[in-house]
Amino acid sequence: MFEIRNTANVGGLKGRAYFSPEEFRAFREQNHVFEDVIAQGVVSRLFYYDGKSTRVLPRGETVTTNTFDYLGVPRLLGRTILEEDGRPGALPVFVMSYRLWQREFAGDPRILGKSFIMRGTPMMLVGIMPARFNAFGASLWMSMRADEAGGHLIGRLKPGASVEAAGAELDAIAQTILCGLAPTLHVVRGDVQPHLTSSGTSTGGGLRHGTLRAVLVVAEVALSIVLLNGAGLLMRSFLVLTRVDLRFNPKNLLYFELVWPDSYNFNWSHPASIVEVRTRKNSVTRRHC
């Protein structure tokens, strides 16, 4: 298994180890040298409510839905993360390590299927891994949505594939990802005049072809200028926002999030429960503020 890093300064800073969802999908789907590629990301702070108090869990990892099949270690109890767990609208799920299960829950198998409020989102525990499993040094592993899958990438080479071949293919894929502005940059850096006039004295078909190329070049350059102007306006707007009068003094201001127990959840199909829960939450916050 190999960790994928950007050592050729393609697509960003040299040495970059984090890849976007678009890059991950391209590397996974377009390569011919890896059996499979997975992505994972670190989650350093995890809180959950146990019905009595909010507790802090050790480090976790977000992982792509193919991670457990890739690693090939069967679960001890329940199941692992499956492909359908990454589909839009799917309930977020996670898998717990054996050590965390024993330390925090005394090995109670009844916690399987229980919903935990973590990072402000309900997540269902679907499996417990065996004691020998310690992937990425994490205590639990949460599913990534397929359209948001990205992060640190790890791949397993196919039998007979070399590291050099893998590097060359990944570099080619990265170049393809970045090719959107390549035609514009290539033409602008060269001599534009021959490209615009090379077919001007040829036949009608050649003239039409030359005119089409000229229109495409002009359109690409115009689009690049629009994008640059848009980026400049976005930066200007950001700078303006940093100087907005907040109408209050943010000094010594404390910001915090409340993790509510399940009894404070409302049901969308019962509008009355929404009002009731809101009233209960307001009474709690006003009593402690």
Protein backbone atom coordinates (compact mmCIF):
# COMPACT_ATOMS: atom_id res chain seq x y z
CA MET A 1 0.00 0.00 0.00
CA PHE A 2 1.21 3.49 -0.83
CA GLU A 3 0.27 6.95 0.36
CA ILE A 4 -0.30 9.31 -2.55
CA ARG A 5 1.45 12.69 -2.34
CA ASN A 6 1.95 15.50 -4.80
CA THR A 7 5.74 15.60 -5.30
CA ALA A 8 5.72 17.21 -8.76
CA ASN A 9 3.95 20.45 -7.81
CA VAL A 10 0.98 19.50 -9.99
CA GLY A 11 -2.37 20.78 -8.79
CA GLY A 12 -0.98 22.77 -5.86
CA LEU A 13 1.95 23.08 -3.52
CA LYS A 14 4.70 20.50 -3.71
CA GLY A 15 4.39 17.89 -0.97
CA ARG A 16 0.62 18.29 -0.72
CA ALA A 17 -0.96 15.20 0.84
CA TYR A 18 -4.61 16.31 0.84
CA PHE A 19 -6.71 15.89 -2.30
CA SER A 20 -10.13 17.27 -3.20
CA PRO A 21 -13.18 15.06 -3.91
CA GLU A 22 -12.77 15.74 -7.65
CA GLU A 23 -9.13 14.61 -7.55
CA PHE A 24 -9.98 11.50 -5.53
CA ARG A 25 -12.69 10.45 -7.98
CA ALA A 26 -10.37 11.03 -10.95
CA PHE A 27 -7.48 9.08 -9.42
CA ARG A 28 -9.75 6.20 -8.42
CA GLU A 29 -11.72 5.94 -11.66
CA GLN A 30 -9.07 6.75 -14.28
CA ASN A 31 -5.99 4.92 -13.03
CA HIS A 32 -4.93 1.48 -14.33
CA VAL A 33 -2.22 0.67 -11.78
CA PHE A 34 -4.08 0.55 -8.46
CA GLU A 35 -6.47 -2.17 -7.36
CA ASP A 36 -8.31 0.48 -5.39
CA VAL A 37 -7.80 3.87 -3.71
CA ILE A 38 -9.27 5.03 -0.40
CA ALA A 39 -9.46 8.44 1.30
CA GLN A 40 -9.40 9.32 4.99
CA GLY A 41 -9.39 12.45 7.11
CA VAL A 42 -8.68 13.17 10.77
CA VAL A 43 -11.39 14.33 13.19
CA SER A 44 -9.66 15.52 16.35
CA ARG A 45 -12.56 16.57 18.62
CA LEU A 46 -15.60 14.37 19.10
CA PHE A 47 -18.35 14.89 21.64
CA TYR A 48 -21.38 12.78 22.34
CA TYR A 49 -24.21 12.91 24.84
CA ASP A 50 -24.78 9.73 26.87
CA GLY A 51 -28.10 10.80 28.42
CA LYS A 52 -26.46 12.33 31.49
CA SER A 53 -23.55 14.44 30.31
CA THR A 54 -21.48 15.35 27.28
CA ARG A 55 -18.40 13.15 26.93
CA VAL A 56 -15.28 13.55 24.83
CA LEU A 57 -14.18 10.70 22.57
CA PRO A 58 -10.63 10.08 21.31
CA ARG A 59 -9.55 10.86 17.79
CA GLY A 60 -11.69 9.59 14.95
CA GLU A 61 -11.38 9.31 11.18
CA THR A 62 -13.72 9.96 8.30
CA VAL A 63 -13.25 7.27 5.65
CA THR A 64 -14.60 6.42 2.22
CA THR A 65 -17.16 3.65 2.02
CA ASN A 66 -14.69 1.27 0.34
CA THR A 67 -12.16 1.48 3.20
CA PHE A 68 -13.11 -1.65 5.11
CA ASP A 69 -13.32 -3.81 1.98
CA TYR A 70 -9.93 -2.39 0.97
CA LEU A 71 -8.33 -3.24 4.34
CA GLY A 72 -9.94 -6.68 4.38
CA VAL A 73 -10.50 -7.01 8.14
CA PRO A 74 -13.92 -8.44 9.13
CA ARG A 75 -15.95 -6.80 11.89
CA LEU A 76 -16.32 -8.33 15.35
CA LEU A 77 -19.95 -7.31 15.78
CA GLY A 78 -22.53 -5.74 13.50
CA ARG A 79 -21.27 -4.60 10.11
CA THR A 80 -18.76 -2.22 8.57
CA ILE A 81 -19.37 0.86 6.41
CA LEU A 82 -21.01 0.00 3.08
CA GLU A 83 -21.31 1.78 -0.26
CA GLU A 84 -24.91 2.81 0.39
CA ASP A 85 -23.80 4.65 3.55
CA GLY A 86 -22.16 7.27 1.34
CA ARG A 87 -25.17 8.03 -0.82
CA PRO A 88 -26.94 11.41 -0.49
CA GLY A 89 -29.59 11.31 2.18
CA ALA A 90 -28.17 8.21 3.89
CA LEU A 91 -28.08 8.20 7.70
CA PRO A 92 -24.49 8.91 8.88
CA VAL A 93 -22.96 5.81 10.46
CA PHE A 94 -19.76 4.91 12.23
CA VAL A 95 -17.78 1.90 13.39
CA MET A 96 -16.08 1.72 16.80
CA SER A 97 -12.75 0.22 17.87
CA TYR A 98 -12.61 -2.65 20.34
CA ARG A 99 -10.62 -0.61 22.86
CA LEU A 100 -13.10 2.25 22.90
CA TRP A 101 -16.00 -0.18 23.16
CA GLN A 102 -14.46 -1.85 26.21
CA ARG A 103 -13.27 1.33 27.93
CA GLU A 104 -16.36 3.51 27.48
CA PHE A 105 -19.15 0.94 27.27
CA ALA A 106 -17.75 -2.11 29.11
CA GLY A 107 -18.19 -4.26 26.00
CA ASP A 108 -21.99 -3.90 26.02
CA PRO A 109 -23.29 -5.27 22.67
CA ARG A 110 -26.60 -3.45 23.14
CA ILE A 111 -25.06 -0.17 21.99
CA LEU A 112 -25.10 -1.45 18.38
CA GLY A 113 -27.75 0.42 16.44
CA LYS A 114 -27.78 3.26 18.96
CA SER A 115 -27.72 6.83 17.69
CA PHE A 116 -24.95 9.11 18.99
CA ILE A 117 -24.98 12.90 18.64
CA MET A 118 -21.47 13.67 17.38
CA ARG A 119 -20.37 16.99 15.88
CA GLY A 120 -23.99 18.04 16.27
CA THR A 121 -25.22 15.27 13.95
CA PRO A 122 -26.97 11.98 14.83
CA MET A 123 -24.80 9.02 13.80
CA MET A 124 -25.69 5.38 14.21
CA LEU A 125 -23.18 2.85 15.50
CA VAL A 126 -23.26 -0.11 13.09
CA GLY A 127 -20.22 -2.20 14.03
CA ILE A 128 -17.40 -3.05 16.42
CA MET A 129 -13.98 -3.98 15.03
CA PRO A 130 -11.70 -6.67 16.53
CA ALA A 131 -8.93 -5.78 18.97
CA ARG A 132 -6.17 -6.07 16.37
CA PHE A 133 -7.74 -3.45 14.10
CA ASN A 134 -6.25 0.01 14.63
CA ALA A 135 -6.47 1.68 11.21
CA PHE A 136 -4.96 5.20 11.13
CA GLY A 137 -4.59 5.14 14.93
CA ALA A 138 -8.26 6.05 15.34
CA SER A 139 -10.84 4.95 17.89
CA LEU A 140 -13.79 5.18 15.52
CA TRP A 141 -14.40 5.55 11.79
CA MET A 142 -17.21 7.63 10.26
CA SER A 143 -18.57 7.34 6.74
CA MET A 144 -17.85 10.01 4.11
CA ARG A 145 -20.52 11.04 1.65
CA ALA A 146 -19.58 9.97 -1.87
CA ASP A 147 -19.76 13.54 -3.21
CA GLU A 148 -17.54 14.83 -0.39
CA ALA A 149 -14.96 12.01 -0.32
CA GLY A 150 -11.45 13.41 -0.27
CA GLY A 151 -8.46 13.86 2.00
CA HIS A 152 -5.35 11.72 2.40
CA LEU A 153 -5.22 9.01 -0.27
CA ILE A 154 -3.87 5.48 -0.02
CA GLY A 155 -3.68 3.02 -2.90
CA ARG A 156 -2.77 -0.64 -3.41
CA LEU A 157 -0.77 -1.40 -6.54
CA LYS A 158 -1.93 -4.13 -8.88
CA PRO A 159 0.38 -7.16 -9.15
CA GLY A 160 3.25 -6.34 -11.48
CA ALA A 161 2.68 -2.58 -11.41
CA SER A 162 5.69 -0.47 -10.46
CA VAL A 163 5.85 2.62 -8.30
CA GLU A 164 7.33 4.54 -11.24
CA ALA A 165 4.41 3.59 -13.49
CA ALA A 166 1.94 4.60 -10.78
CA GLY A 167 3.61 7.97 -10.36
CA ALA A 168 3.61 8.63 -14.11
CA GLU A 169 -0.07 7.71 -14.44
CA LEU A 170 -1.16 9.81 -11.47
CA ASP A 171 0.79 12.74 -12.88
CA ALA A 172 -0.98 12.33 -16.22
CA ILE A 173 -4.38 12.23 -14.49
CA ALA A 174 -3.50 15.35 -12.49
CA GLN A 175 -2.55 17.13 -15.71
CA THR A 176 -5.93 16.15 -17.17
CA ILE A 177 -7.74 17.55 -14.12
CA LEU A 178 -5.97 20.89 -14.62
CA CYS A 179 -6.42 21.10 -18.39
CA GLY A 180 -9.40 23.48 -18.26
CA LEU A 181 -7.31 26.60 -18.89
CA ALA A 182 -4.43 24.88 -20.68
CA PRO A 183 -5.56 25.77 -24.27
CA THR A 184 -5.93 29.43 -23.30
CA LEU A 185 -2.57 29.60 -21.59
CA HIS A 186 -0.88 27.84 -24.49
CA VAL A 187 -2.30 30.20 -27.12
CA VAL A 188 -1.80 33.38 -25.11
CA ARG A 189 1.84 32.59 -24.42
CA GLY A 190 2.53 31.92 -28.07
CA ASP A 191 2.09 34.17 -31.10
CA VAL A 192 -1.65 34.68 -31.43
CA GLN A 193 -1.47 36.26 -34.91
CA PRO A 194 -0.61 33.06 -36.89
CA HIS A 195 -3.45 31.18 -35.19
CA LEU A 196 -5.91 33.88 -36.16
CA THR A 197 -4.75 34.37 -39.78
CA SER A 198 -3.15 31.10 -40.89
CA SER A 199 -6.16 30.17 -43.03
CA GLY A 200 -7.15 33.64 -44.19
CA THR A 201 -5.95 33.16 -47.80
CA SER A 202 -7.00 29.54 -48.16
CA THR A 203 -10.29 28.08 -49.36
CA GLY A 204 -13.69 28.92 -47.93
CA GLY A 205 -13.60 25.82 -45.73
CA GLY A 206 -10.18 26.80 -44.41
CA LEU A 207 -11.39 30.34 -43.79
CA ARG A 208 -14.35 29.07 -41.79
CA HIS A 209 -12.01 26.80 -39.81
CA GLY A 210 -9.63 29.65 -39.09
CA THR A 211 -12.48 31.93 -38.06
CA LEU A 212 -13.84 29.25 -35.71
CA ARG A 213 -10.44 28.85 -34.08
CA ALA A 214 -10.18 32.62 -33.68
CA VAL A 215 -13.60 32.77 -32.03
CA LEU A 216 -12.67 29.94 -29.64
CA VAL A 217 -9.40 31.63 -28.69
CA VAL A 218 -11.12 34.96 -28.07
CA ALA A 219 -13.84 33.23 -26.02
CA GLU A 220 -11.26 31.39 -23.90
CA VAL A 221 -9.29 34.58 -23.24
CA ALA A 222 -12.50 36.45 -22.39
CA LEU A 223 -13.55 33.69 -20.01
CA SER A 224 -10.16 33.82 -18.29
CA ILE A 225 -10.49 37.59 -17.84
CA VAL A 226 -13.99 37.15 -16.38
CA LEU A 227 -12.72 34.53 -13.93
CA LEU A 228 -9.82 36.76 -12.84
CA ASN A 229 -12.16 39.73 -12.37
CA GLY A 230 -14.53 37.55 -10.37
CA ALA A 231 -11.69 36.40 -8.13
CA GLY A 232 -10.65 40.02 -7.56
CA LEU A 233 -14.20 41.06 -6.66
CA LEU A 234 -14.52 38.09 -4.31
CA MET A 235 -11.31 39.06 -2.50
CA ARG A 236 -12.49 42.69 -2.28
CA SER A 237 -15.82 41.56 -0.80
CA PHE A 238 -13.99 39.41 1.75
CA LEU A 239 -11.81 42.36 2.83
CA VAL A 240 -14.90 44.56 3.17
CA LEU A 241 -16.59 41.94 5.36
CA THR A 242 -13.60 41.89 7.72
CA ARG A 243 -14.20 45.61 8.37
CA VAL A 244 -17.96 45.48 8.89
CA ASP A 245 -19.23 47.13 12.08
CA LEU A 246 -20.65 44.23 14.11
CA ARG A 247 -22.68 46.61 16.36
CA PHE A 248 -21.24 44.83 19.40
CA ASN A 249 -17.85 44.34 21.05
CA PRO A 250 -16.58 40.80 20.30
CA LYS A 251 -13.91 41.04 23.02
CA ASN A 252 -14.34 38.42 25.76
CA LEU A 253 -17.28 36.93 23.86
CA LEU A 254 -17.78 33.22 24.52
CA TYR A 255 -19.16 31.03 21.74
CA PHE A 256 -20.30 27.50 22.46
CA GLU A 257 -22.52 24.77 21.04
CA LEU A 258 -25.13 22.82 22.95
CA VAL A 259 -25.53 19.08 22.35
CA TRP A 260 -29.14 18.22 23.16
CA PRO A 261 -30.35 14.76 24.27
CA ASP A 262 -32.70 12.80 22.06
CA SER A 263 -35.68 13.98 24.12
CA TYR A 264 -35.17 17.46 22.64
CA ASN A 265 -35.51 16.28 19.03
CA PHE A 266 -38.73 17.21 17.24
CA ASN A 267 -40.73 15.40 14.59
CA TRP A 268 -41.27 17.27 11.30
CA SER A 269 -44.55 15.43 10.78
CA HIS A 270 -45.93 16.87 14.04
CA PRO A 271 -45.71 20.69 13.90
CA ALA A 272 -46.79 20.98 17.53
CA SER A 273 -43.65 19.17 18.65
CA ILE A 274 -41.50 21.83 16.96
CA VAL A 275 -43.04 24.60 19.06
CA GLU A 276 -42.84 22.49 22.21
CA VAL A 277 -39.15 21.64 21.73
CA ARG A 278 -38.28 25.24 20.90
CA THR A 279 -40.00 26.41 24.09
CA ARG A 280 -38.13 23.83 26.18
CA LYS A 281 -34.79 24.79 24.65
CA ASN A 282 -35.44 28.48 25.22
CA SER A 283 -36.26 27.82 28.87
CA VAL A 284 -32.99 25.93 29.35
CA THR A 285 -30.78 28.54 27.70
CA ARG A 286 -32.43 31.45 29.51
CA ARG A 287 -32.13 29.67 32.86
CA HIS A 288 -28.37 29.22 32.44
CA CYS A 289 -27.47 32.53 30.79
